[in-house]
Amino acid sequence: MPLSELEDVLRSRRAEPQAGSYTSELLADPERLQRKVMEEAFELCLELGRAELSHERIAEEAADLVYHVLVGLIGAGVAWADVLAVLQERRK
């Protein structure tokens, strides 16, 4: 799934929260979302630091982190394009 497609889904959850939607729950509870971003970042770091790397586990933890970061960005009103623009500017 392209990030732009995921971003669209997350924006729709913000605009129209759905009962039982994990994304809607996170958007309604910024503190919980912050904890999840930290948790997922930590779990990715653990996987990256293992003596034997598992590409599957690293990809899973990275996916979890990217999802939660993107939910946080949506909650803060920051577009993924804004993040890419910062990265592009830093490329100079």
C-alpha atoms as a PDB file:
ATOM      1  CA  MET A   1       0.000   0.000   0.000  1.00  0.00           C
ATOM      2  CA  PRO A   2       1.494   3.371  -0.966  1.00  0.00           C
ATOM      3  CA  LEU A   3       1.897   5.797   1.943  1.00  0.00           C
ATOM      4  CA  SER A   4      -0.364   8.280   0.178  1.00  0.00           C
ATOM      5  CA  GLU A   5      -3.166   5.702   0.192  1.00  0.00           C
ATOM      6  CA  LEU A   6      -2.622   4.962   3.880  1.00  0.00           C
ATOM      7  CA  GLU A   7      -2.552   8.688   4.582  1.00  0.00           C
ATOM      8  CA  ASP A   8      -5.944   9.051   2.854  1.00  0.00           C
ATOM      9  CA  VAL A   9      -7.428   6.275   4.989  1.00  0.00           C
ATOM     10  CA  LEU A  10      -6.065   7.842   8.167  1.00  0.00           C
ATOM     11  CA  ARG A  11      -7.399  11.261   7.200  1.00  0.00           C
ATOM     12  CA  SER A  12     -10.829   9.744   6.653  1.00  0.00           C
ATOM     13  CA  ARG A  13     -10.694   8.252  10.168  1.00  0.00           C
ATOM     14  CA  ARG A  14      -9.869  11.677  11.532  1.00  0.00           C
ATOM     15  CA  ALA A  15     -12.687  13.353   9.594  1.00  0.00           C
ATOM     16  CA  GLU A  16     -15.213  10.609  10.360  1.00  0.00           C
ATOM     17  CA  PRO A  17     -14.213   8.603  13.450  1.00  0.00           C
ATOM     18  CA  GLN A  18     -15.523   5.054  13.418  1.00  0.00           C
ATOM     19  CA  ALA A  19     -16.466   3.075  16.510  1.00  0.00           C
ATOM     20  CA  GLY A  20     -14.042   0.213  17.009  1.00  0.00           C
ATOM     21  CA  SER A  21     -11.411   1.724  14.703  1.00  0.00           C
ATOM     22  CA  TYR A  22      -7.931   1.539  16.232  1.00  0.00           C
ATOM     23  CA  THR A  23      -6.893   4.593  14.234  1.00  0.00           C
ATOM     24  CA  SER A  24      -9.894   6.577  15.469  1.00  0.00           C
ATOM     25  CA  GLU A  25      -9.066   5.552  19.039  1.00  0.00           C
ATOM     26  CA  LEU A  26      -5.459   6.715  18.664  1.00  0.00           C
ATOM     27  CA  LEU A  27      -6.492  10.031  17.129  1.00  0.00           C
ATOM     28  CA  ALA A  28      -8.829  10.625  20.072  1.00  0.00           C
ATOM     29  CA  ASP A  29      -6.089   9.920  22.632  1.00  0.00           C
ATOM     30  CA  PRO A  30      -2.839  11.779  21.827  1.00  0.00           C
ATOM     31  CA  GLU A  31      -1.096  10.485  24.955  1.00  0.00           C
ATOM     32  CA  ARG A  32      -1.796   6.875  23.974  1.00  0.00           C
ATOM     33  CA  LEU A  33      -0.517   7.635  20.475  1.00  0.00           C
ATOM     34  CA  GLN A  34       2.703   9.118  21.882  1.00  0.00           C
ATOM     35  CA  ARG A  35       3.259   5.985  23.955  1.00  0.00           C
ATOM     36  CA  LYS A  36       2.692   3.780  20.891  1.00  0.00           C
ATOM     37  CA  VAL A  37       5.198   5.733  18.784  1.00  0.00           C
ATOM     38  CA  MET A  38       7.811   5.379  21.535  1.00  0.00           C
ATOM     39  CA  GLU A  39       7.011   1.692  21.999  1.00  0.00           C
ATOM     40  CA  GLU A  40       7.269   0.913  18.296  1.00  0.00           C
ATOM     41  CA  ALA A  41      10.513   2.897  17.926  1.00  0.00           C
ATOM     42  CA  PHE A  42      11.989   0.960  20.849  1.00  0.00           C
ATOM     43  CA  GLU A  43      10.886  -2.379  19.406  1.00  0.00           C
ATOM     44  CA  LEU A  44      12.456  -1.521  16.048  1.00  0.00           C
ATOM     45  CA  CYS A  45      15.689  -0.549  17.802  1.00  0.00           C
ATOM     46  CA  LEU A  46      15.709  -3.894  19.611  1.00  0.00           C
ATOM     47  CA  GLU A  47      15.325  -5.769  16.333  1.00  0.00           C
ATOM     48  CA  LEU A  48      18.071  -3.723  14.677  1.00  0.00           C
ATOM     49  CA  GLY A  49      20.423  -4.494  17.563  1.00  0.00           C
ATOM     50  CA  ARG A  50      20.057  -8.263  17.566  1.00  0.00           C
ATOM     51  CA  ALA A  51      23.088 -10.406  16.777  1.00  0.00           C
ATOM     52  CA  GLU A  52      21.019 -12.301  14.217  1.00  0.00           C
ATOM     53  CA  LEU A  53      18.894  -9.926  12.200  1.00  0.00           C
ATOM     54  CA  SER A  54      15.476 -11.021  11.031  1.00  0.00           C
ATOM     55  CA  HIS A  55      14.471  -9.040   7.966  1.00  0.00           C
ATOM     56  CA  GLU A  56      10.862 -10.088   8.531  1.00  0.00           C
ATOM     57  CA  ARG A  57      10.782  -8.837  12.144  1.00  0.00           C
ATOM     58  CA  ILE A  58      12.578  -5.598  11.212  1.00  0.00           C
ATOM     59  CA  ALA A  59      10.073  -4.947   8.418  1.00  0.00           C
ATOM     60  CA  GLU A  60       7.157  -5.675  10.776  1.00  0.00           C
ATOM     61  CA  GLU A  61       8.434  -3.321  13.469  1.00  0.00           C
ATOM     62  CA  ALA A  62       9.283  -0.645  10.900  1.00  0.00           C
ATOM     63  CA  ALA A  63       5.758  -0.930   9.481  1.00  0.00           C
ATOM     64  CA  ASP A  64       4.293  -0.518  12.974  1.00  0.00           C
ATOM     65  CA  LEU A  65       6.441   2.548  13.577  1.00  0.00           C
ATOM     66  CA  VAL A  66       5.624   4.154  10.220  1.00  0.00           C
ATOM     67  CA  TYR A  67       1.900   3.583  10.784  1.00  0.00           C
ATOM     68  CA  HIS A  68       1.943   5.147  14.246  1.00  0.00           C
ATOM     69  CA  VAL A  69       4.114   8.078  13.109  1.00  0.00           C
ATOM     70  CA  LEU A  70       1.730   8.707  10.225  1.00  0.00           C
ATOM     71  CA  VAL A  71      -1.258   8.651  12.593  1.00  0.00           C
ATOM     72  CA  GLY A  72       0.578  11.196  14.742  1.00  0.00           C
ATOM     73  CA  LEU A  73       1.267  13.407  11.756  1.00  0.00           C
ATOM     74  CA  ILE A  74      -2.395  13.271  10.712  1.00  0.00           C
ATOM     75  CA  GLY A  75      -3.439  14.104  14.261  1.00  0.00           C
ATOM     76  CA  ALA A  76      -1.108  17.106  14.242  1.00  0.00           C
ATOM     77  CA  GLY A  77      -2.278  18.255  10.813  1.00  0.00           C
ATOM     78  CA  VAL A  78       1.086  17.568   9.158  1.00  0.00           C
ATOM     79  CA  ALA A  79       1.078  15.990   5.713  1.00  0.00           C
ATOM     80  CA  TRP A  80       3.557  13.317   4.670  1.00  0.00           C
ATOM     81  CA  ALA A  81       4.470  15.664   1.808  1.00  0.00           C
ATOM     82  CA  ASP A  82       5.686  18.153   4.423  1.00  0.00           C
ATOM     83  CA  VAL A  83       8.030  15.516   5.854  1.00  0.00           C
ATOM     84  CA  LEU A  84       9.319  14.700   2.375  1.00  0.00           C
ATOM     85  CA  ALA A  85       9.883  18.408   1.704  1.00  0.00           C
ATOM     86  CA  VAL A  86      12.064  18.660   4.821  1.00  0.00           C
ATOM     87  CA  LEU A  87      14.062  15.631   3.710  1.00  0.00           C
ATOM     88  CA  GLN A  88      14.455  17.109   0.239  1.00  0.00           C
ATOM     89  CA  GLU A  89      15.677  20.394   1.709  1.00  0.00           C
ATOM     90  CA  ARG A  90      18.217  18.548   3.855  1.00  0.00           C
ATOM     91  CA  ARG A  91      19.555  16.755   0.802  1.00  0.00           C
ATOM     92  CA  LYS A  92      21.368  19.850  -0.418  1.00  0.00           C
END
